[in-house]
Amino acid sequence: MVECTRRIEFDAGHRVIGHKHKCKHLHGHRYVLEITASSEELDDLGMVVDFGELKSVMKEWIDLNFDHNVILHADDENLGSFIANYTGQNIYYLKANPTAENIALHLKIDIIPKLFIKSSFQIIKIKLFETPNAFVEVM
């Protein structure tokens, strides 16, 4: 088994409904996403996947949906509508609170399988840093 990882950074705002501390307020992070692919065999060029392919496919989706955007729980539609009306932004809604855990799970379960349908490799791990010192992993 050979693994390779591509790192992608993006900025987004969120808030966590029901949080007992600061995260209940709208705030932002410089997220760092690490996407890890693996394969039992290398391709004809000797790669699991071209790092550029991981970057272009994943970054395109991130840029359209998360980067410089607000990620909210679907139950936070009033705040999302206010922000969208005031700023013209598209708001990205999750079915759950936009914690690092839920964002990473959403990417791994709902988004990545649609982006890499016909691949000779598997995406085996998502690592999402919310801050330089705090991250989650989904395998």
N, C-alpha and C. Protein backbone atom coordinates (compact mmCIF):
# COMPACT_ATOMS: atom_id res chain seq x y z
N MET A 1 0.85 -1.18 0.00
CA MET A 1 0.00 0.00 0.00
C MET A 1 0.88 1.24 0.00
N VAL A 2 0.60 2.15 -0.92
CA VAL A 2 1.33 3.42 -0.99
C VAL A 2 0.31 4.54 -0.80
N GLU A 3 0.67 5.52 0.03
CA GLU A 3 -0.21 6.65 0.30
C GLU A 3 0.46 7.94 -0.14
N CYS A 4 -0.36 8.88 -0.59
CA CYS A 4 0.14 10.23 -0.86
C CYS A 4 -0.89 11.23 -0.37
N THR A 5 -0.42 12.37 0.07
CA THR A 5 -1.28 13.37 0.69
C THR A 5 -1.06 14.73 0.04
N ARG A 6 -2.16 15.42 -0.20
CA ARG A 6 -2.12 16.78 -0.75
C ARG A 6 -2.77 17.71 0.27
N ARG A 7 -2.16 18.86 0.48
CA ARG A 7 -2.61 19.85 1.45
C ARG A 7 -3.28 21.00 0.71
N ILE A 8 -4.45 21.43 1.20
CA ILE A 8 -5.20 22.54 0.61
C ILE A 8 -5.65 23.46 1.74
N GLU A 9 -5.46 24.75 1.58
CA GLU A 9 -5.85 25.71 2.62
C GLU A 9 -7.01 26.55 2.13
N PHE A 10 -7.89 26.93 3.07
CA PHE A 10 -9.00 27.80 2.72
C PHE A 10 -9.47 28.54 3.97
N ASP A 11 -10.15 29.64 3.75
CA ASP A 11 -10.68 30.46 4.83
C ASP A 11 -12.21 30.38 4.81
N ALA A 12 -12.81 30.21 5.98
CA ALA A 12 -14.27 30.14 6.05
C ALA A 12 -14.73 30.56 7.44
N GLY A 13 -15.96 31.05 7.50
CA GLY A 13 -16.58 31.39 8.76
C GLY A 13 -17.61 30.35 9.13
N HIS A 14 -17.90 30.24 10.41
CA HIS A 14 -18.94 29.33 10.89
C HIS A 14 -19.32 29.72 12.31
N ARG A 15 -20.34 29.06 12.81
CA ARG A 15 -20.66 29.12 14.23
C ARG A 15 -21.30 27.80 14.60
N VAL A 16 -21.21 27.45 15.87
CA VAL A 16 -21.71 26.17 16.35
C VAL A 16 -22.92 26.45 17.25
N ILE A 17 -24.10 26.11 16.74
CA ILE A 17 -25.33 26.31 17.50
C ILE A 17 -25.27 25.48 18.78
N GLY A 18 -25.58 26.11 19.91
CA GLY A 18 -25.63 25.41 21.19
C GLY A 18 -24.29 25.31 21.91
N HIS A 19 -23.22 25.81 21.29
CA HIS A 19 -21.91 25.78 21.94
C HIS A 19 -21.97 26.65 23.19
N LYS A 20 -21.29 26.24 24.25
CA LYS A 20 -21.35 26.97 25.52
C LYS A 20 -20.30 28.07 25.64
N HIS A 21 -19.41 28.17 24.66
CA HIS A 21 -18.34 29.16 24.76
C HIS A 21 -18.31 30.01 23.48
N LYS A 22 -17.14 30.52 23.13
CA LYS A 22 -16.98 31.47 22.03
C LYS A 22 -17.48 30.98 20.68
N CYS A 23 -17.43 29.67 20.46
CA CYS A 23 -17.79 29.14 19.15
C CYS A 23 -19.27 29.28 18.81
N LYS A 24 -20.08 29.73 19.77
CA LYS A 24 -21.49 29.99 19.48
C LYS A 24 -21.63 31.26 18.62
N HIS A 25 -20.57 32.07 18.59
CA HIS A 25 -20.58 33.30 17.79
C HIS A 25 -20.00 33.04 16.41
N LEU A 26 -20.46 33.79 15.46
CA LEU A 26 -19.91 33.70 14.10
C LEU A 26 -18.44 34.12 14.13
N HIS A 27 -17.58 33.27 13.59
CA HIS A 27 -16.14 33.54 13.56
C HIS A 27 -15.53 32.77 12.41
N GLY A 28 -14.25 32.99 12.15
CA GLY A 28 -13.61 32.34 11.01
C GLY A 28 -12.34 31.61 11.37
N HIS A 29 -11.92 30.77 10.43
CA HIS A 29 -10.69 29.99 10.59
C HIS A 29 -9.93 29.94 9.28
N ARG A 30 -8.65 29.73 9.38
CA ARG A 30 -7.79 29.37 8.25
C ARG A 30 -7.69 27.85 8.30
N TYR A 31 -8.58 27.17 7.59
CA TYR A 31 -8.59 25.71 7.59
C TYR A 31 -7.47 25.17 6.72
N VAL A 32 -6.97 24.02 7.10
CA VAL A 32 -6.02 23.28 6.29
C VAL A 32 -6.58 21.87 6.14
N LEU A 33 -6.77 21.47 4.89
CA LEU A 33 -7.29 20.15 4.58
C LEU A 33 -6.16 19.31 4.00
N GLU A 34 -5.99 18.12 4.55
CA GLU A 34 -5.05 17.16 3.98
C GLU A 34 -5.88 15.97 3.50
N ILE A 35 -5.76 15.67 2.21
CA ILE A 35 -6.50 14.58 1.60
C ILE A 35 -5.50 13.50 1.21
N THR A 36 -5.70 12.29 1.72
CA THR A 36 -4.75 11.20 1.50
C THR A 36 -5.36 10.12 0.62
N ALA A 37 -4.66 9.80 -0.46
CA ALA A 37 -5.06 8.75 -1.40
C ALA A 37 -4.12 7.57 -1.23
N SER A 38 -4.62 6.38 -1.53
CA SER A 38 -3.77 5.20 -1.47
C SER A 38 -4.12 4.23 -2.59
N SER A 39 -3.15 3.37 -2.88
CA SER A 39 -3.34 2.35 -3.90
C SER A 39 -2.36 1.21 -3.64
N GLU A 40 -2.76 0.03 -4.02
CA GLU A 40 -1.87 -1.14 -3.94
C GLU A 40 -0.84 -1.09 -5.05
N GLU A 41 -1.22 -0.49 -6.18
CA GLU A 41 -0.33 -0.44 -7.34
C GLU A 41 -0.15 1.00 -7.80
N LEU A 42 1.02 1.28 -8.33
CA LEU A 42 1.30 2.59 -8.90
C LEU A 42 0.89 2.60 -10.36
N ASP A 43 0.60 3.80 -10.88
CA ASP A 43 0.22 3.90 -12.29
C ASP A 43 1.46 3.78 -13.17
N ASP A 44 1.29 3.96 -14.47
CA ASP A 44 2.40 3.81 -15.42
C ASP A 44 3.54 4.80 -15.18
N LEU A 45 3.23 5.91 -14.53
CA LEU A 45 4.26 6.91 -14.23
C LEU A 45 4.91 6.69 -12.87
N GLY A 46 4.40 5.70 -12.13
CA GLY A 46 4.96 5.42 -10.82
C GLY A 46 4.31 6.22 -9.69
N MET A 47 3.02 6.58 -9.87
CA MET A 47 2.32 7.40 -8.87
C MET A 47 1.04 6.72 -8.41
N VAL A 48 0.63 7.03 -7.18
CA VAL A 48 -0.71 6.66 -6.71
C VAL A 48 -1.71 7.51 -7.46
N VAL A 49 -1.48 8.81 -7.46
CA VAL A 49 -2.27 9.81 -8.17
C VAL A 49 -1.38 11.04 -8.31
N ASP A 50 -1.56 11.75 -9.36
CA ASP A 50 -0.82 12.99 -9.55
C ASP A 50 -1.28 13.99 -8.48
N PHE A 51 -0.33 14.57 -7.74
CA PHE A 51 -0.68 15.57 -6.73
C PHE A 51 -1.51 16.69 -7.34
N GLY A 52 -1.23 17.02 -8.59
CA GLY A 52 -1.97 18.08 -9.28
C GLY A 52 -3.43 17.72 -9.47
N GLU A 53 -3.73 16.44 -9.70
CA GLU A 53 -5.13 16.02 -9.84
C GLU A 53 -5.86 16.15 -8.52
N LEU A 54 -5.22 15.69 -7.43
CA LEU A 54 -5.85 15.86 -6.12
C LEU A 54 -6.13 17.33 -5.84
N LYS A 55 -5.14 18.17 -6.14
CA LYS A 55 -5.29 19.60 -5.90
C LYS A 55 -6.39 20.20 -6.76
N SER A 56 -6.35 19.95 -8.07
CA SER A 56 -7.30 20.62 -8.96
C SER A 56 -8.74 20.21 -8.68
N VAL A 57 -8.97 18.93 -8.48
CA VAL A 57 -10.34 18.46 -8.24
C VAL A 57 -10.85 18.94 -6.89
N MET A 58 -10.08 18.74 -5.84
CA MET A 58 -10.54 19.10 -4.50
C MET A 58 -10.58 20.61 -4.31
N LYS A 59 -9.57 21.31 -4.80
CA LYS A 59 -9.51 22.76 -4.62
C LYS A 59 -10.63 23.46 -5.39
N GLU A 60 -10.97 22.94 -6.56
CA GLU A 60 -12.08 23.54 -7.32
C GLU A 60 -13.37 23.47 -6.50
N TRP A 61 -13.62 22.31 -5.89
CA TRP A 61 -14.83 22.18 -5.08
C TRP A 61 -14.75 23.09 -3.85
N ILE A 62 -13.62 23.10 -3.17
CA ILE A 62 -13.42 23.94 -1.99
C ILE A 62 -13.62 25.42 -2.35
N ASP A 63 -13.01 25.86 -3.46
CA ASP A 63 -13.11 27.26 -3.86
C ASP A 63 -14.55 27.66 -4.16
N LEU A 64 -15.32 26.77 -4.76
CA LEU A 64 -16.72 27.07 -5.09
C LEU A 64 -17.64 27.06 -3.87
N ASN A 65 -17.32 26.26 -2.89
CA ASN A 65 -18.26 26.02 -1.80
C ASN A 65 -17.83 26.52 -0.42
N PHE A 66 -16.55 26.42 -0.09
CA PHE A 66 -16.10 26.75 1.26
C PHE A 66 -15.25 28.00 1.36
N ASP A 67 -14.34 28.21 0.42
CA ASP A 67 -13.35 29.27 0.58
C ASP A 67 -13.99 30.65 0.61
N HIS A 68 -13.64 31.44 1.61
CA HIS A 68 -14.19 32.77 1.84
C HIS A 68 -15.71 32.75 1.83
N ASN A 69 -16.24 31.75 2.50
CA ASN A 69 -17.68 31.57 2.59
C ASN A 69 -18.04 31.33 4.05
N VAL A 70 -19.32 31.18 4.30
CA VAL A 70 -19.82 30.89 5.63
C VAL A 70 -20.46 29.51 5.58
N ILE A 71 -20.08 28.65 6.52
CA ILE A 71 -20.61 27.29 6.61
C ILE A 71 -21.49 27.25 7.86
N LEU A 72 -22.78 26.95 7.66
CA LEU A 72 -23.73 26.97 8.77
C LEU A 72 -24.53 25.68 8.83
N HIS A 73 -25.10 25.42 10.00
CA HIS A 73 -26.07 24.34 10.19
C HIS A 73 -27.33 24.74 9.41
N ALA A 74 -28.01 23.77 8.84
CA ALA A 74 -29.25 24.06 8.10
C ALA A 74 -30.29 24.74 8.99
N ASP A 75 -30.24 24.50 10.30
CA ASP A 75 -31.16 25.15 11.23
C ASP A 75 -30.82 26.62 11.47
N ASP A 76 -29.71 27.08 10.92
CA ASP A 76 -29.26 28.46 11.10
C ASP A 76 -29.60 29.29 9.85
N GLU A 77 -30.70 28.95 9.21
CA GLU A 77 -31.07 29.59 7.94
C GLU A 77 -31.36 31.09 8.09
N ASN A 78 -31.88 31.51 9.23
CA ASN A 78 -32.14 32.94 9.42
C ASN A 78 -30.85 33.75 9.35
N LEU A 79 -29.81 33.28 10.05
CA LEU A 79 -28.53 33.96 9.99
C LEU A 79 -27.97 33.89 8.56
N GLY A 80 -28.06 32.73 7.94
CA GLY A 80 -27.55 32.57 6.58
C GLY A 80 -28.24 33.50 5.60
N SER A 81 -29.56 33.63 5.72
CA SER A 81 -30.31 34.53 4.84
C SER A 81 -29.89 35.98 5.05
N PHE A 82 -29.71 36.36 6.31
CA PHE A 82 -29.26 37.72 6.60
C PHE A 82 -27.90 37.99 5.97
N ILE A 83 -26.95 37.07 6.17
CA ILE A 83 -25.61 37.25 5.61
C ILE A 83 -25.67 37.29 4.09
N ALA A 84 -26.42 36.39 3.49
CA ALA A 84 -26.52 36.33 2.02
C ALA A 84 -27.14 37.61 1.47
N ASN A 85 -28.18 38.11 2.12
CA ASN A 85 -28.83 39.34 1.66
C ASN A 85 -27.93 40.55 1.82
N TYR A 86 -27.15 40.57 2.89
CA TYR A 86 -26.28 41.71 3.17
C TYR A 86 -25.01 41.70 2.33
N THR A 87 -24.44 40.52 2.13
CA THR A 87 -23.14 40.43 1.46
C THR A 87 -23.20 39.89 0.03
N GLY A 88 -24.29 39.21 -0.31
CA GLY A 88 -24.38 38.57 -1.62
C GLY A 88 -23.70 37.21 -1.67
N GLN A 89 -23.19 36.75 -0.53
CA GLN A 89 -22.51 35.45 -0.47
C GLN A 89 -23.51 34.31 -0.59
N ASN A 90 -23.04 33.20 -1.15
CA ASN A 90 -23.76 31.95 -1.04
C ASN A 90 -23.35 31.33 0.28
N ILE A 91 -24.30 30.85 1.03
CA ILE A 91 -24.02 30.21 2.31
C ILE A 91 -24.02 28.70 2.07
N TYR A 92 -23.07 28.00 2.68
CA TYR A 92 -23.02 26.55 2.56
C TYR A 92 -23.64 25.96 3.83
N TYR A 93 -24.70 25.18 3.64
CA TYR A 93 -25.40 24.58 4.78
C TYR A 93 -25.06 23.11 4.93
N LEU A 94 -24.80 22.71 6.16
CA LEU A 94 -24.62 21.30 6.51
C LEU A 94 -25.88 20.82 7.24
N LYS A 95 -26.09 19.52 7.27
CA LYS A 95 -27.20 18.93 8.00
C LYS A 95 -26.94 18.92 9.50
N ALA A 96 -25.72 19.22 9.90
CA ALA A 96 -25.32 19.21 11.30
C ALA A 96 -24.50 20.45 11.59
N ASN A 97 -24.16 20.68 12.85
CA ASN A 97 -23.32 21.82 13.21
C ASN A 97 -22.01 21.77 12.42
N PRO A 98 -21.53 22.90 11.94
CA PRO A 98 -20.30 22.93 11.15
C PRO A 98 -19.04 22.87 12.01
N THR A 99 -18.92 21.82 12.78
CA THR A 99 -17.71 21.56 13.54
C THR A 99 -16.66 21.00 12.58
N ALA A 100 -15.42 21.01 12.98
CA ALA A 100 -14.38 20.41 12.14
C ALA A 100 -14.71 18.94 11.85
N GLU A 101 -15.22 18.24 12.87
CA GLU A 101 -15.58 16.83 12.70
C GLU A 101 -16.65 16.66 11.62
N ASN A 102 -17.71 17.47 11.70
CA ASN A 102 -18.81 17.33 10.73
C ASN A 102 -18.41 17.79 9.33
N ILE A 103 -17.58 18.81 9.24
CA ILE A 103 -17.09 19.25 7.92
C ILE A 103 -16.25 18.15 7.29
N ALA A 104 -15.34 17.56 8.07
CA ALA A 104 -14.49 16.48 7.54
C ALA A 104 -15.33 15.27 7.14
N LEU A 105 -16.30 14.89 7.97
CA LEU A 105 -17.18 13.76 7.62
C LEU A 105 -17.97 14.05 6.35
N HIS A 106 -18.47 15.25 6.23
CA HIS A 106 -19.22 15.65 5.03
C HIS A 106 -18.36 15.51 3.78
N LEU A 107 -17.14 15.99 3.86
CA LEU A 107 -16.23 15.87 2.72
C LEU A 107 -15.96 14.41 2.39
N LYS A 108 -15.65 13.61 3.39
CA LYS A 108 -15.28 12.20 3.17
C LYS A 108 -16.45 11.35 2.68
N ILE A 109 -17.63 11.56 3.24
CA ILE A 109 -18.78 10.70 2.93
C ILE A 109 -19.61 11.21 1.76
N ASP A 110 -19.86 12.52 1.72
CA ASP A 110 -20.80 13.07 0.74
C ASP A 110 -20.15 13.66 -0.51
N ILE A 111 -19.00 14.28 -0.37
CA ILE A 111 -18.41 15.03 -1.48
C ILE A 111 -17.36 14.23 -2.24
N ILE A 112 -16.37 13.71 -1.57
CA ILE A 112 -15.24 13.04 -2.23
C ILE A 112 -15.66 11.87 -3.11
N PRO A 113 -16.61 11.03 -2.67
CA PRO A 113 -17.02 9.93 -3.57
C PRO A 113 -17.58 10.42 -4.90
N LYS A 114 -18.18 11.59 -4.92
CA LYS A 114 -18.72 12.16 -6.17
C LYS A 114 -17.62 12.77 -7.04
N LEU A 115 -16.55 13.24 -6.41
CA LEU A 115 -15.48 13.90 -7.15
C LEU A 115 -14.49 12.92 -7.78
N PHE A 116 -14.30 11.79 -7.14
CA PHE A 116 -13.30 10.82 -7.60
C PHE A 116 -13.98 9.48 -7.93
N ILE A 117 -14.97 9.52 -8.81
CA ILE A 117 -15.77 8.33 -9.13
C ILE A 117 -14.94 7.25 -9.82
N LYS A 118 -14.28 7.59 -10.89
CA LYS A 118 -13.54 6.60 -11.68
C LYS A 118 -12.05 6.75 -11.42
N SER A 119 -11.62 6.33 -10.25
CA SER A 119 -10.23 6.50 -9.87
C SER A 119 -9.59 5.14 -9.62
N SER A 120 -8.30 5.07 -9.87
CA SER A 120 -7.55 3.85 -9.58
C SER A 120 -7.03 3.85 -8.15
N PHE A 121 -7.38 4.83 -7.38
CA PHE A 121 -6.93 4.99 -6.00
C PHE A 121 -8.15 5.21 -5.12
N GLN A 122 -7.94 5.13 -3.82
CA GLN A 122 -8.98 5.41 -2.84
C GLN A 122 -8.56 6.58 -1.97
N ILE A 123 -9.52 7.42 -1.62
CA ILE A 123 -9.25 8.46 -0.62
C ILE A 123 -9.49 7.79 0.73
N ILE A 124 -8.41 7.62 1.48
CA ILE A 124 -8.52 6.84 2.72
C ILE A 124 -8.56 7.71 3.98
N LYS A 125 -8.16 8.98 3.86
CA LYS A 125 -8.13 9.81 5.06
C LYS A 125 -8.30 11.28 4.71
N ILE A 126 -9.05 11.95 5.56
CA ILE A 126 -9.20 13.39 5.51
C ILE A 126 -8.71 13.92 6.86
N LYS A 127 -7.82 14.86 6.82
CA LYS A 127 -7.36 15.52 8.04
C LYS A 127 -7.68 17.00 7.88
N LEU A 128 -8.45 17.54 8.81
CA LEU A 128 -8.86 18.93 8.71
C LEU A 128 -8.40 19.68 9.96
N PHE A 129 -7.50 20.65 9.74
CA PHE A 129 -7.04 21.53 10.81
C PHE A 129 -7.98 22.72 10.88
N GLU A 130 -8.51 22.98 12.08
CA GLU A 130 -9.31 24.18 12.30
C GLU A 130 -8.41 25.32 12.75
N THR A 131 -7.38 24.97 13.46
CA THR A 131 -6.31 25.90 13.86
C THR A 131 -4.99 25.13 13.69
N PRO A 132 -3.86 25.82 13.80
CA PRO A 132 -2.59 25.09 13.68
C PRO A 132 -2.42 24.00 14.74
N ASN A 133 -3.15 24.11 15.85
CA ASN A 133 -2.98 23.18 16.95
C ASN A 133 -4.16 22.22 17.17
N ALA A 134 -5.18 22.32 16.33
CA ALA A 134 -6.38 21.49 16.53
C ALA A 134 -6.84 20.94 15.19
N PHE A 135 -6.97 19.61 15.12
CA PHE A 135 -7.39 18.99 13.88
C PHE A 135 -8.20 17.73 14.17
N VAL A 136 -8.93 17.29 13.14
CA VAL A 136 -9.68 16.02 13.19
C VAL A 136 -9.23 15.17 12.02
N GLU A 137 -9.39 13.86 12.18
CA GLU A 137 -9.09 12.93 11.09
C GLU A 137 -10.30 12.01 10.88
N VAL A 138 -10.61 11.78 9.63
CA VAL A 138 -11.66 10.83 9.26
C VAL A 138 -11.04 9.83 8.31
N MET A 139 -11.18 8.56 8.67
CA MET A 139 -10.60 7.50 7.83
C MET A 139 -11.70 6.59 7.32
